[in-house]
Amino acid sequence: MSYIELDKNKCKSCYLCIDTCPKKLITKSSEIGSNGNYVVQFKDEKKECLGCAMCAMICPDIAITSVYKDE
């Protein structure tokens, strides 16, 4: 099972990861971050994450701290 880990304290709500995820597994959460905007969340109920790390590569604040790829 592939998945990512997020540090919501680092998320600045740019939402680049939402646009980048090919499976659309990253969405806005209902949690408001320190900047007053909604931080992101990772939900993969169907185990669709590819472990491609595109979200981590595009994140300017390194809020996606780890990407685990099932091999």
N, C-alpha and C. Protein backbone atom coordinates (compact mmCIF):
# COMPACT_ATOMS: atom_id res chain seq x y z
N MET A 1 0.83 -1.18 0.00
CA MET A 1 0.00 0.00 0.00
C MET A 1 0.88 1.25 0.00
N SER A 2 0.68 2.11 -0.95
CA SER A 2 1.41 3.37 -1.04
C SER A 2 0.63 4.45 -0.31
N TYR A 3 1.35 5.39 0.30
CA TYR A 3 0.69 6.49 1.00
C TYR A 3 1.69 7.61 1.27
N ILE A 4 1.15 8.76 1.70
CA ILE A 4 2.00 9.90 2.03
C ILE A 4 1.74 10.32 3.48
N GLU A 5 2.69 11.04 4.04
CA GLU A 5 2.53 11.63 5.36
C GLU A 5 2.63 13.15 5.22
N LEU A 6 1.73 13.83 5.90
CA LEU A 6 1.66 15.29 5.84
C LEU A 6 2.00 15.91 7.19
N ASP A 7 2.67 17.05 7.14
CA ASP A 7 2.87 17.86 8.34
C ASP A 7 1.97 19.08 8.18
N LYS A 8 0.80 19.02 8.80
CA LYS A 8 -0.19 20.09 8.63
C LYS A 8 0.29 21.43 9.18
N ASN A 9 1.28 21.42 10.07
CA ASN A 9 1.83 22.67 10.58
C ASN A 9 2.65 23.41 9.53
N LYS A 10 3.15 22.69 8.54
CA LYS A 10 3.94 23.31 7.48
C LYS A 10 3.08 23.71 6.28
N CYS A 11 1.88 23.17 6.17
CA CYS A 11 1.02 23.42 5.01
C CYS A 11 0.57 24.87 4.99
N LYS A 12 0.83 25.55 3.87
CA LYS A 12 0.46 26.95 3.70
C LYS A 12 -0.78 27.10 2.81
N SER A 13 -1.45 26.00 2.51
CA SER A 13 -2.70 25.99 1.76
C SER A 13 -2.56 26.54 0.34
N CYS A 14 -1.48 26.18 -0.31
CA CYS A 14 -1.31 26.60 -1.71
C CYS A 14 -2.11 25.69 -2.65
N TYR A 15 -2.38 24.48 -2.19
CA TYR A 15 -3.18 23.48 -2.91
C TYR A 15 -2.55 22.99 -4.21
N LEU A 16 -1.27 23.19 -4.38
CA LEU A 16 -0.59 22.66 -5.56
C LEU A 16 -0.63 21.13 -5.56
N CYS A 17 -0.55 20.53 -4.39
CA CYS A 17 -0.58 19.07 -4.30
C CYS A 17 -1.93 18.52 -4.73
N ILE A 18 -3.00 19.25 -4.44
CA ILE A 18 -4.34 18.82 -4.84
C ILE A 18 -4.42 18.74 -6.36
N ASP A 19 -3.91 19.76 -7.03
CA ASP A 19 -3.95 19.80 -8.49
C ASP A 19 -3.01 18.77 -9.13
N THR A 20 -1.96 18.40 -8.42
CA THR A 20 -0.93 17.52 -8.97
C THR A 20 -1.25 16.04 -8.82
N CYS A 21 -1.95 15.65 -7.77
CA CYS A 21 -2.20 14.24 -7.51
C CYS A 21 -3.01 13.61 -8.65
N PRO A 22 -2.45 12.62 -9.35
CA PRO A 22 -3.15 12.03 -10.49
C PRO A 22 -4.41 11.26 -10.09
N LYS A 23 -4.50 10.83 -8.85
CA LYS A 23 -5.67 10.08 -8.38
C LYS A 23 -6.62 10.94 -7.55
N LYS A 24 -6.28 12.22 -7.37
CA LYS A 24 -7.11 13.17 -6.62
C LYS A 24 -7.38 12.68 -5.19
N LEU A 25 -6.32 12.22 -4.52
CA LEU A 25 -6.43 11.70 -3.17
C LEU A 25 -6.13 12.74 -2.10
N ILE A 26 -5.72 13.92 -2.52
CA ILE A 26 -5.43 15.01 -1.59
C ILE A 26 -6.52 16.06 -1.79
N THR A 27 -7.14 16.45 -0.68
CA THR A 27 -8.24 17.41 -0.72
C THR A 27 -8.08 18.41 0.41
N LYS A 28 -8.90 19.47 0.35
CA LYS A 28 -8.95 20.42 1.46
C LYS A 28 -9.61 19.72 2.64
N SER A 29 -9.08 19.96 3.82
CA SER A 29 -9.71 19.40 5.01
C SER A 29 -10.60 20.45 5.65
N SER A 30 -11.26 20.08 6.71
CA SER A 30 -12.07 21.04 7.47
C SER A 30 -11.24 21.71 8.57
N GLU A 31 -9.96 21.35 8.64
CA GLU A 31 -9.06 21.89 9.65
C GLU A 31 -8.40 23.18 9.15
N ILE A 32 -8.46 24.21 9.95
CA ILE A 32 -7.86 25.50 9.57
C ILE A 32 -6.45 25.58 10.13
N GLY A 33 -5.51 25.93 9.26
CA GLY A 33 -4.11 26.02 9.64
C GLY A 33 -3.76 27.36 10.26
N SER A 34 -2.50 27.53 10.57
CA SER A 34 -2.01 28.75 11.22
C SER A 34 -2.17 29.99 10.34
N ASN A 35 -2.30 29.79 9.03
CA ASN A 35 -2.45 30.92 8.11
C ASN A 35 -3.92 31.32 7.90
N GLY A 36 -4.84 30.59 8.57
CA GLY A 36 -6.26 30.92 8.46
C GLY A 36 -6.98 30.25 7.32
N ASN A 37 -6.28 29.42 6.58
CA ASN A 37 -6.88 28.69 5.46
C ASN A 37 -6.98 27.21 5.78
N TYR A 38 -7.76 26.50 4.99
CA TYR A 38 -7.91 25.06 5.20
C TYR A 38 -6.67 24.32 4.71
N VAL A 39 -6.12 23.48 5.57
CA VAL A 39 -4.97 22.66 5.19
C VAL A 39 -5.48 21.46 4.38
N VAL A 40 -4.56 20.68 3.85
CA VAL A 40 -4.94 19.54 3.02
C VAL A 40 -4.97 18.25 3.85
N GLN A 41 -5.63 17.26 3.28
CA GLN A 41 -5.67 15.94 3.89
C GLN A 41 -5.50 14.88 2.81
N PHE A 42 -5.01 13.74 3.20
CA PHE A 42 -4.82 12.61 2.30
C PHE A 42 -5.82 11.53 2.67
N LYS A 43 -6.66 11.15 1.71
CA LYS A 43 -7.63 10.08 1.93
C LYS A 43 -7.53 9.10 0.77
N ASP A 44 -7.27 7.86 1.12
CA ASP A 44 -7.11 6.83 0.10
C ASP A 44 -7.83 5.55 0.53
N GLU A 45 -9.13 5.62 0.61
CA GLU A 45 -9.94 4.50 1.08
C GLU A 45 -9.87 3.29 0.15
N LYS A 46 -9.67 3.53 -1.14
CA LYS A 46 -9.62 2.43 -2.12
C LYS A 46 -8.21 1.96 -2.41
N LYS A 47 -7.22 2.49 -1.68
CA LYS A 47 -5.81 2.10 -1.85
C LYS A 47 -5.33 2.35 -3.29
N GLU A 48 -5.55 3.56 -3.76
CA GLU A 48 -5.21 3.92 -5.14
C GLU A 48 -3.90 4.69 -5.28
N CYS A 49 -3.30 5.12 -4.18
CA CYS A 49 -2.09 5.93 -4.27
C CYS A 49 -1.00 5.18 -5.04
N LEU A 50 -0.39 5.90 -5.98
CA LEU A 50 0.66 5.33 -6.82
C LEU A 50 2.04 5.44 -6.19
N GLY A 51 2.17 6.28 -5.18
CA GLY A 51 3.47 6.52 -4.58
C GLY A 51 4.39 7.27 -5.54
N CYS A 52 3.80 8.06 -6.42
CA CYS A 52 4.57 8.74 -7.47
C CYS A 52 5.40 9.91 -6.93
N ALA A 53 5.03 10.45 -5.79
CA ALA A 53 5.74 11.55 -5.12
C ALA A 53 5.62 12.90 -5.85
N MET A 54 4.72 12.99 -6.80
CA MET A 54 4.53 14.27 -7.49
C MET A 54 4.07 15.35 -6.52
N CYS A 55 3.25 14.97 -5.55
CA CYS A 55 2.76 15.93 -4.56
C CYS A 55 3.90 16.47 -3.71
N ALA A 56 4.79 15.59 -3.31
CA ALA A 56 5.93 16.01 -2.48
C ALA A 56 6.90 16.89 -3.26
N MET A 57 7.08 16.57 -4.53
CA MET A 57 8.01 17.36 -5.35
C MET A 57 7.50 18.78 -5.60
N ILE A 58 6.18 18.95 -5.70
CA ILE A 58 5.64 20.28 -6.01
C ILE A 58 5.41 21.12 -4.77
N CYS A 59 5.37 20.52 -3.59
CA CYS A 59 5.08 21.25 -2.36
C CYS A 59 6.23 22.22 -2.02
N PRO A 60 5.97 23.52 -2.04
CA PRO A 60 7.04 24.49 -1.78
C PRO A 60 7.44 24.58 -0.30
N ASP A 61 6.62 24.02 0.58
CA ASP A 61 6.89 24.14 2.01
C ASP A 61 7.30 22.82 2.66
N ILE A 62 7.52 21.80 1.86
CA ILE A 62 7.92 20.48 2.32
C ILE A 62 6.95 19.96 3.40
N ALA A 63 5.65 20.21 3.18
CA ALA A 63 4.63 19.75 4.11
C ALA A 63 4.35 18.26 3.93
N ILE A 64 4.65 17.73 2.76
CA ILE A 64 4.54 16.29 2.54
C ILE A 64 5.89 15.71 2.90
N THR A 65 5.95 15.16 4.08
CA THR A 65 7.23 14.77 4.66
C THR A 65 7.73 13.41 4.19
N SER A 66 6.82 12.52 3.82
CA SER A 66 7.22 11.18 3.39
C SER A 66 6.26 10.64 2.34
N VAL A 67 6.83 9.87 1.41
CA VAL A 67 6.03 9.15 0.43
C VAL A 67 6.48 7.71 0.49
N TYR A 68 5.53 6.82 0.71
CA TYR A 68 5.83 5.39 0.78
C TYR A 68 5.20 4.70 -0.42
N LYS A 69 6.04 3.95 -1.13
CA LYS A 69 5.56 3.27 -2.34
C LYS A 69 5.58 1.77 -2.11
N ASP A 70 4.44 1.15 -2.35
CA ASP A 70 4.32 -0.29 -2.23
C ASP A 70 4.94 -0.93 -3.46
N GLU A 71 5.84 -1.85 -3.21
CA GLU A 71 6.50 -2.51 -4.36
C GLU A 71 6.25 -3.97 -4.35
